[in-house]
Amino acid sequence: MAAPNVLSTLLPHLTHERLHGFRWGLIAGLIVVGVLAATGLVVPAIWLAALLVPVLYLAYLREVDVYADAPLLILLATVVAGAAVGVALTAAADALGNSLAAGGVVLLGVGIAVIAELLKPALPLLLLRKRFPSTVDGLVFGVAAGVGYALAQTIVNLSGALGGVALRVDPAGWTFTLLSVGLLIPLLHGSCSGLVAASLWRPRGGRDAALRAAGLPLAVIADVIFSAGSEILDDAGLSPLFVLLWQAAVVAAVLIAVRMLLHAAVLDEGASLGLREVRCHVCGRIVEAAGFCPDCGASIPATAAPSAGEAALLRR
């Protein structure tokens, strides 16, 4: 649970077999970005990198059976709503930041982070919570809005910088930008907005109450230290590698927070459905079930229960 596994956290409905397809899709996309950059086509590489994660996530939303009956317009609207927030806040931050002193820039960054984490998952929270009541659904729609926000932020931030760049340039100075734009920034905003949406998706209470209360503050803190830390390290003249390591550490921490919240939420929601820890008398597995074993399909007697040692092992 405390491992920052990206795909199993942000694509929670997929089986291991289907997850491999998206893993190879992400790897293939990164390889294409790398090939474009290596041949000097840096500008196309950056735009492809910015689109990679949002496109994969839209493909995931259409792939999983849970959302098969949801119109594509709803799924696209979730990403577009996040992107609209990204365009508005990034443009506002750029316009206001030029006229502020150092202290004002810090306060602006904190304010933008708070507003962003509140607005990114606003559409799914308002329109989709009753139709898809599970906390996992809240996470998925929050991530979709977050990757849309990341795409818009990248477009606004880089459109001016890339306007005068030739089609072919030396890729040496763009390697770390590509990794940040193509992977770390969308993972940060997707994970943060997913954490906020998941923490607000259901009423408070249960074993995950403390984690739900901490969801929004943790997302805001991660957003601030990701951007502020990157700026400080860059201004200090340190290698871009240190900036990437800093960004990766922040993303890993948010992913672990998401996993902890989901773990507690799934246990609470499972209990409300009558699920309990039992040992199947046919296949011998310790499972969480209500009536039938999810592994072999055998009927489970109502009195079946694991031993204390088995239950402790399952919890570990």
Protein backbone atom coordinates (compact mmCIF):
# COMPACT_ATOMS: atom_id res chain seq x y z
CA MET A 1 0.00 0.00 0.00
CA ALA A 2 2.88 2.39 0.71
CA ALA A 3 4.47 1.88 -2.72
CA PRO A 4 4.02 4.77 -5.20
CA ASN A 5 2.82 2.58 -8.06
CA VAL A 6 1.52 4.96 -10.71
CA LEU A 7 -0.71 2.88 -12.96
CA SER A 8 -2.33 0.63 -10.35
CA THR A 9 -3.16 3.76 -8.32
CA LEU A 10 -4.52 6.03 -11.05
CA LEU A 11 -6.09 3.26 -13.20
CA PRO A 12 -7.75 1.31 -10.38
CA HIS A 13 -10.36 -0.62 -12.38
CA LEU A 14 -7.97 -2.50 -14.65
CA THR A 15 -6.88 -6.09 -14.14
CA HIS A 16 -3.17 -6.85 -14.28
CA GLU A 17 -3.46 -8.07 -17.86
CA ARG A 18 -5.24 -4.94 -19.10
CA LEU A 19 -2.94 -2.75 -17.05
CA HIS A 20 0.03 -4.03 -19.04
CA GLY A 21 -1.50 -2.64 -22.23
CA PHE A 22 -1.60 0.87 -20.79
CA ARG A 23 1.89 0.47 -19.37
CA TRP A 24 3.23 -0.40 -22.80
CA GLY A 25 1.21 2.45 -24.31
CA LEU A 26 2.85 4.91 -21.92
CA ILE A 27 6.30 3.47 -22.61
CA ALA A 28 5.73 3.55 -26.37
CA GLY A 29 4.60 7.18 -26.17
CA LEU A 30 7.69 8.14 -24.19
CA ILE A 31 9.88 6.34 -26.73
CA VAL A 32 8.28 8.30 -29.60
CA VAL A 33 8.84 11.53 -27.65
CA GLY A 34 12.47 10.54 -27.12
CA VAL A 35 12.98 9.74 -30.80
CA LEU A 36 11.50 13.08 -31.87
CA ALA A 37 13.69 14.94 -29.39
CA ALA A 38 16.82 13.01 -30.40
CA THR A 39 16.30 13.99 -34.04
CA GLY A 40 15.99 17.65 -33.07
CA LEU A 41 12.20 17.87 -33.41
CA VAL A 42 11.85 19.29 -29.92
CA VAL A 43 8.66 21.31 -30.44
CA PRO A 44 6.60 18.32 -31.73
CA ALA A 45 8.13 16.21 -28.95
CA ILE A 46 6.95 18.66 -26.28
CA TRP A 47 3.41 18.84 -27.62
CA LEU A 48 3.23 15.05 -27.89
CA ALA A 49 4.58 14.73 -24.35
CA ALA A 50 1.91 17.13 -23.06
CA LEU A 51 -0.85 15.12 -24.78
CA LEU A 52 0.40 11.66 -23.82
CA VAL A 53 -1.07 11.21 -20.33
CA PRO A 54 -4.42 12.96 -21.05
CA VAL A 55 -4.99 10.82 -24.15
CA LEU A 56 -4.12 7.62 -22.27
CA TYR A 57 -6.49 8.57 -19.48
CA LEU A 58 -9.36 9.22 -21.88
CA ALA A 59 -8.65 5.81 -23.41
CA TYR A 60 -8.80 4.30 -19.91
CA LEU A 61 -12.18 5.91 -19.20
CA ARG A 62 -13.58 4.37 -22.39
CA GLU A 63 -11.89 1.02 -21.76
CA VAL A 64 -13.25 0.18 -18.31
CA ASP A 65 -16.70 -1.40 -18.17
CA VAL A 66 -17.76 0.76 -15.22
CA TYR A 67 -18.14 3.84 -17.43
CA ALA A 68 -19.30 2.08 -20.60
CA ASP A 69 -22.78 3.59 -20.31
CA ALA A 70 -21.49 7.12 -19.68
CA PRO A 71 -21.67 9.32 -22.79
CA LEU A 72 -18.30 10.27 -24.20
CA LEU A 73 -19.38 13.90 -23.84
CA ILE A 74 -19.44 13.53 -20.02
CA LEU A 75 -15.95 12.06 -19.95
CA LEU A 76 -14.60 14.73 -22.30
CA ALA A 77 -16.35 17.45 -20.29
CA THR A 78 -14.51 16.34 -17.16
CA VAL A 79 -11.14 16.78 -18.86
CA VAL A 80 -12.19 20.00 -20.61
CA ALA A 81 -13.47 21.51 -17.35
CA GLY A 82 -10.10 20.88 -15.74
CA ALA A 83 -8.38 22.37 -18.77
CA ALA A 84 -10.55 25.50 -18.59
CA VAL A 85 -9.51 26.00 -14.97
CA GLY A 86 -5.89 25.51 -16.03
CA VAL A 87 -6.07 28.15 -18.76
CA ALA A 88 -7.77 30.71 -16.52
CA LEU A 89 -5.52 30.28 -13.48
CA THR A 90 -2.26 29.99 -15.40
CA ALA A 91 -3.00 33.10 -17.44
CA ALA A 92 -4.01 34.98 -14.28
CA ALA A 93 -0.86 33.90 -12.45
CA ASP A 94 1.32 35.03 -15.37
CA ALA A 95 -0.40 38.40 -15.57
CA LEU A 96 -0.25 39.10 -11.82
CA GLY A 97 3.18 37.61 -11.17
CA ASN A 98 5.03 40.13 -13.32
CA SER A 99 3.92 43.04 -11.09
CA LEU A 100 4.56 41.47 -7.66
CA ALA A 101 7.58 41.37 -5.39
CA ALA A 102 9.08 38.10 -4.17
CA GLY A 103 6.78 37.83 -1.16
CA GLY A 104 3.74 38.59 -3.27
CA VAL A 105 4.69 35.91 -5.77
CA VAL A 106 4.83 33.32 -2.95
CA LEU A 107 1.37 34.32 -1.70
CA LEU A 108 0.06 34.27 -5.26
CA GLY A 109 1.40 30.76 -5.75
CA VAL A 110 -0.31 29.53 -2.57
CA GLY A 111 -3.57 31.21 -3.53
CA ILE A 112 -3.49 29.75 -7.05
CA ALA A 113 -2.82 26.28 -5.61
CA VAL A 114 -5.79 26.50 -3.22
CA ILE A 115 -8.15 27.73 -5.94
CA ALA A 116 -6.88 25.14 -8.42
CA GLU A 117 -7.36 22.19 -6.07
CA LEU A 118 -10.88 23.36 -5.28
CA LEU A 119 -11.93 24.04 -8.88
CA LYS A 120 -10.24 21.18 -10.77
CA PRO A 121 -12.59 18.44 -9.48
CA ALA A 122 -15.62 20.76 -9.11
CA LEU A 123 -17.52 19.47 -12.18
CA PRO A 124 -17.38 15.76 -11.28
CA LEU A 125 -18.16 16.55 -7.64
CA LEU A 126 -21.28 18.46 -8.64
CA LEU A 127 -22.56 16.31 -11.51
CA LEU A 128 -21.21 12.75 -11.24
CA ARG A 129 -21.12 11.91 -7.53
CA LYS A 130 -24.68 10.55 -7.32
CA ARG A 131 -24.39 8.52 -10.51
CA PHE A 132 -21.04 6.96 -9.52
CA PRO A 133 -21.03 6.82 -5.68
CA SER A 134 -17.81 4.87 -5.04
CA THR A 135 -14.70 6.65 -3.78
CA VAL A 136 -12.73 4.97 -6.57
CA ASP A 137 -14.99 6.73 -9.07
CA GLY A 138 -14.25 10.04 -7.36
CA LEU A 139 -10.55 9.39 -7.75
CA VAL A 140 -10.87 8.51 -11.44
CA PHE A 141 -12.89 11.60 -12.39
CA GLY A 142 -10.65 13.81 -10.27
CA VAL A 143 -7.57 12.48 -12.07
CA ALA A 144 -9.24 13.10 -15.44
CA ALA A 145 -9.85 16.74 -14.50
CA GLY A 146 -6.30 17.04 -13.18
CA VAL A 147 -4.62 15.82 -16.36
CA GLY A 148 -6.77 18.26 -18.34
CA TYR A 149 -5.54 21.05 -16.07
CA ALA A 150 -1.92 19.94 -16.57
CA LEU A 151 -2.34 19.96 -20.35
CA ALA A 152 -3.77 23.49 -20.32
CA GLN A 153 -1.09 24.75 -17.94
CA THR A 154 1.64 23.38 -20.18
CA ILE A 155 0.11 24.91 -23.32
CA VAL A 156 -0.18 28.35 -21.70
CA ASN A 157 3.28 28.26 -20.14
CA LEU A 158 5.13 26.99 -23.21
CA SER A 159 3.21 28.59 -26.06
CA GLY A 160 5.15 31.84 -25.72
CA ALA A 161 8.48 30.15 -25.07
CA LEU A 162 8.16 27.87 -28.09
CA GLY A 163 6.87 30.52 -30.48
CA GLY A 164 10.33 31.51 -31.74
CA VAL A 165 11.95 28.08 -31.54
CA ALA A 166 12.98 26.55 -34.86
CA LEU A 167 11.54 23.21 -35.91
CA ARG A 168 14.89 21.50 -35.36
CA VAL A 169 17.04 22.49 -32.38
CA ASP A 170 19.67 20.91 -30.16
CA PRO A 171 17.74 18.65 -27.76
CA ALA A 172 20.36 18.79 -24.99
CA GLY A 173 18.66 21.61 -23.10
CA TRP A 174 15.15 20.18 -23.41
CA THR A 175 15.51 16.65 -22.01
CA PHE A 176 14.42 17.44 -18.46
CA THR A 177 11.62 19.72 -19.67
CA LEU A 178 10.22 16.84 -21.72
CA LEU A 179 10.26 14.47 -18.74
CA SER A 180 8.60 17.03 -16.50
CA VAL A 181 5.95 18.05 -19.04
CA GLY A 182 5.23 14.54 -20.28
CA LEU A 183 5.14 12.67 -16.98
CA LEU A 184 5.64 14.50 -13.70
CA ILE A 185 3.39 17.55 -14.13
CA PRO A 186 0.33 15.55 -15.31
CA LEU A 187 0.95 12.97 -12.59
CA LEU A 188 1.11 15.71 -9.96
CA HIS A 189 -2.09 17.48 -10.98
CA GLY A 190 -3.92 14.24 -11.70
CA SER A 191 -2.95 12.75 -8.32
CA CYS A 192 -3.73 15.95 -6.39
CA SER A 193 -7.16 16.50 -7.92
CA GLY A 194 -7.88 12.77 -7.60
CA LEU A 195 -6.97 12.94 -3.91
CA VAL A 196 -9.26 15.95 -3.38
CA ALA A 197 -12.17 14.41 -5.29
CA ALA A 198 -11.81 11.07 -3.49
CA SER A 199 -11.68 12.77 -0.09
CA LEU A 200 -14.87 14.78 -0.78
CA TRP A 201 -16.80 12.12 -2.72
CA ARG A 202 -18.62 10.52 0.23
CA PRO A 203 -19.82 11.87 3.58
CA ARG A 204 -17.18 11.99 6.28
CA GLY A 205 -16.90 9.14 8.75
CA GLY A 206 -15.46 5.65 9.03
CA ARG A 207 -11.86 4.61 9.35
CA ASP A 208 -10.87 6.96 6.53
CA ALA A 209 -12.31 10.11 8.20
CA ALA A 210 -8.89 11.56 9.08
CA LEU A 211 -7.56 10.90 5.58
CA ARG A 212 -10.59 12.54 4.00
CA ALA A 213 -10.13 15.62 6.18
CA ALA A 214 -6.47 15.81 5.12
CA GLY A 215 -7.08 15.33 1.38
CA LEU A 216 -7.43 18.97 0.35
CA PRO A 217 -4.62 20.33 2.59
CA LEU A 218 -2.24 17.62 1.39
CA ALA A 219 -3.03 18.36 -2.27
CA VAL A 220 -2.47 22.10 -1.79
CA ILE A 221 0.83 21.53 0.06
CA ALA A 222 2.03 19.15 -2.65
CA ASP A 223 1.08 21.61 -5.40
CA VAL A 224 2.92 24.47 -3.66
CA ILE A 225 6.12 22.62 -2.80
CA PHE A 226 6.26 21.03 -6.26
CA SER A 227 6.25 24.39 -8.05
CA ALA A 228 8.02 26.46 -5.38
CA GLY A 229 10.71 23.84 -4.81
CA SER A 230 11.33 23.53 -8.53
CA GLU A 231 11.71 27.32 -8.85
CA ILE A 232 14.07 27.53 -5.86
CA LEU A 233 16.29 24.69 -7.08
CA ASP A 234 16.36 26.12 -10.59
CA ASP A 235 17.20 29.64 -9.37
CA ALA A 236 19.99 28.19 -7.21
CA GLY A 237 21.70 26.96 -10.37
CA LEU A 238 21.46 23.27 -9.48
CA SER A 239 21.39 20.59 -12.12
CA PRO A 240 17.94 19.99 -13.71
CA LEU A 241 18.33 16.41 -12.48
CA PHE A 242 17.88 17.61 -8.89
CA VAL A 243 14.72 19.45 -9.95
CA LEU A 244 13.34 16.27 -11.51
CA LEU A 245 14.18 14.23 -8.41
CA TRP A 246 12.40 16.81 -6.25
CA GLN A 247 9.32 16.68 -8.48
CA ALA A 248 9.34 12.88 -8.51
CA ALA A 249 9.55 12.76 -4.69
CA VAL A 250 6.49 15.03 -4.36
CA VAL A 251 4.50 12.95 -6.86
CA ALA A 252 5.45 9.74 -5.04
CA ALA A 253 4.23 11.19 -1.71
CA VAL A 254 0.86 12.16 -3.22
CA LEU A 255 0.45 8.72 -4.80
CA ILE A 256 1.04 7.06 -1.42
CA ALA A 257 -1.55 9.36 0.19
CA VAL A 258 -4.05 8.37 -2.53
CA ARG A 259 -3.40 4.68 -1.95
CA MET A 260 -3.86 5.02 1.82
CA LEU A 261 -7.15 6.86 1.37
CA LEU A 262 -8.46 4.34 -1.16
CA HIS A 263 -7.44 1.40 1.03
CA ALA A 264 -9.43 2.75 3.99
CA ALA A 265 -12.36 3.83 1.80
CA VAL A 266 -12.68 0.45 0.08
CA LEU A 267 -12.70 -1.33 3.45
CA ASP A 268 -15.46 0.98 4.71
CA GLU A 269 -17.54 0.66 1.56
CA GLY A 270 -17.02 -3.11 1.50
CA ALA A 271 -18.28 -3.39 5.07
CA SER A 272 -21.45 -1.50 4.16
CA LEU A 273 -22.09 -4.11 1.42
CA GLY A 274 -21.82 -6.97 3.91
CA LEU A 275 -18.32 -8.08 2.88
CA ARG A 276 -16.21 -9.84 5.50
CA GLU A 277 -12.88 -11.66 5.70
CA VAL A 278 -13.42 -15.42 5.32
CA ARG A 279 -11.53 -18.55 4.30
CA CYS A 280 -13.14 -20.25 1.32
CA HIS A 281 -13.79 -23.93 2.16
CA VAL A 282 -13.26 -24.94 -1.49
CA CYS A 283 -10.12 -23.11 -2.72
CA GLY A 284 -8.70 -22.31 0.72
CA ARG A 285 -8.06 -18.63 -0.02
CA ILE A 286 -8.70 -15.87 2.51
CA VAL A 287 -10.97 -13.42 0.71
CA GLU A 288 -13.31 -10.50 1.32
CA ALA A 289 -16.69 -11.80 0.26
CA ALA A 290 -20.43 -11.76 0.82
CA GLY A 291 -22.08 -15.06 -0.13
CA PHE A 292 -19.68 -16.31 -2.81
CA CYS A 293 -15.90 -16.63 -3.14
CA PRO A 294 -14.63 -14.07 -5.69
CA ASP A 295 -11.81 -16.47 -6.65
CA CYS A 296 -13.54 -19.80 -7.31
CA GLY A 297 -17.24 -18.89 -7.12
CA ALA A 298 -18.12 -21.34 -4.34
CA SER A 299 -20.89 -20.46 -1.89
CA ILE A 300 -19.54 -19.31 1.48
CA PRO A 301 -21.47 -20.28 4.61
CA ALA A 302 -22.70 -17.35 6.69
CA THR A 303 -20.78 -18.65 9.71
CA ALA A 304 -17.42 -18.95 7.93
CA ALA A 305 -14.67 -16.71 9.28
CA PRO A 306 -10.86 -16.72 9.27
CA SER A 307 -8.81 -17.47 12.32
CA ALA A 308 -7.24 -14.57 14.24
CA GLY A 309 -3.85 -15.38 12.70
CA GLU A 310 -5.29 -15.48 9.19
CA ALA A 311 -7.13 -12.20 9.67
CA ALA A 312 -3.96 -10.52 10.98
CA LEU A 313 -1.97 -11.85 8.02
CA LEU A 314 -4.57 -10.50 5.59
CA ARG A 315 -4.51 -7.08 7.20
CA ARG A 316 -0.69 -7.01 6.90
